[in-house]
């Protein structure tokens, strides 16, 4: 199963809005819209896995996760881009 993380991006939101309009105008069924979203999930994850070559590495001493935010506290930390 592909991750649905990228549905909340601008591209994912635009796709969902377009699919909702097509469903409301009865041009496609909700089942077809779901299949399109599942294919989007697979395609975006595959493209990012194969085409993106940039990486970010960092080290930190501690982190705090609250709700949807993660705060990383780095001591004597470094980063390499």
Protein backbone atom coordinates (compact mmCIF):
# COMPACT_ATOMS: atom_id res chain seq x y z
CA UNK A 1 0.00 0.00 0.00
CA UNK A 2 1.40 3.38 -0.99
CA UNK A 3 1.60 6.16 1.56
CA UNK A 4 -1.08 8.85 1.35
CA UNK A 5 1.20 11.56 2.72
CA UNK A 6 1.37 13.54 -0.52
CA UNK A 7 -2.40 13.96 -0.83
CA UNK A 8 -2.07 17.04 1.38
CA UNK A 9 0.28 18.79 -1.05
CA UNK A 10 -0.92 21.45 -3.49
CA UNK A 11 -0.96 18.88 -6.27
CA UNK A 12 -2.83 16.31 -4.17
CA UNK A 13 -5.40 18.84 -2.98
CA UNK A 14 -6.00 20.06 -6.53
CA UNK A 15 -6.51 16.49 -7.69
CA UNK A 16 -9.01 15.81 -4.91
CA UNK A 17 -10.94 19.01 -5.65
CA UNK A 18 -11.10 18.14 -9.35
CA UNK A 19 -12.28 14.62 -8.58
CA UNK A 20 -14.95 15.99 -6.21
CA UNK A 21 -16.23 18.29 -8.96
CA UNK A 22 -16.36 15.38 -11.43
CA UNK A 23 -18.26 13.26 -8.90
CA UNK A 24 -20.76 16.05 -8.22
CA UNK A 25 -21.37 16.58 -11.92
CA UNK A 26 -21.81 12.78 -12.22
CA UNK A 27 -19.04 12.45 -14.79
CA UNK A 28 -17.21 9.82 -12.72
CA UNK A 29 -18.17 7.50 -9.88
CA UNK A 30 -16.74 7.73 -6.36
CA UNK A 31 -15.12 4.33 -6.93
CA UNK A 32 -13.25 5.65 -9.97
CA UNK A 33 -12.13 8.71 -7.98
CA UNK A 34 -10.75 6.41 -5.29
CA UNK A 35 -8.86 4.40 -7.91
CA UNK A 36 -7.38 7.63 -9.29
CA UNK A 37 -6.23 8.67 -5.80
CA UNK A 38 -4.68 5.26 -5.17
CA UNK A 39 -2.82 5.49 -8.48
CA UNK A 40 -1.66 9.00 -7.55
CA UNK A 41 -0.30 7.66 -4.25
CA UNK A 42 1.64 4.93 -6.03
CA UNK A 43 2.94 7.24 -8.77
CA UNK A 44 4.11 10.07 -6.50
CA UNK A 45 5.86 7.69 -4.10
CA UNK A 46 7.55 5.87 -6.98
CA UNK A 47 8.66 9.09 -8.65
CA UNK A 48 10.11 10.50 -5.45
CA UNK A 49 11.89 7.25 -4.65
CA UNK A 50 13.48 6.99 -8.10
CA UNK A 51 14.06 10.58 -9.21
CA UNK A 52 14.95 12.58 -6.11
CA UNK A 53 18.63 12.31 -5.28
CA UNK A 54 18.99 14.99 -2.61
CA UNK A 55 19.37 13.90 0.98
CA UNK A 56 19.52 15.69 4.28
CA UNK A 57 21.40 14.21 7.22
CA UNK A 58 21.45 15.69 10.68
CA UNK A 59 22.29 14.61 14.19
CA UNK A 60 20.68 15.88 17.33
CA UNK A 61 20.62 15.13 21.02
CA UNK A 62 16.88 15.17 21.57
CA UNK A 63 13.51 15.86 20.01
CA UNK A 64 10.02 16.64 21.20
CA UNK A 65 6.89 15.60 19.31
CA UNK A 66 3.65 17.45 20.05
CA UNK A 67 0.61 16.86 17.91
CA UNK A 68 1.62 17.32 14.30
CA UNK A 69 4.86 19.19 15.03
CA UNK A 70 8.25 17.74 15.80
CA UNK A 71 10.89 19.95 17.37
CA UNK A 72 14.49 18.86 17.06
CA UNK A 73 16.95 20.24 19.57
CA UNK A 74 20.53 19.84 18.40
CA UNK A 75 23.54 20.23 20.66
CA UNK A 76 26.89 20.40 18.99
CA UNK A 77 24.95 19.37 15.94
CA UNK A 78 25.84 19.64 12.34
CA UNK A 79 24.12 19.24 9.06
CA UNK A 80 25.21 18.22 5.62
CA UNK A 81 23.22 19.03 2.51
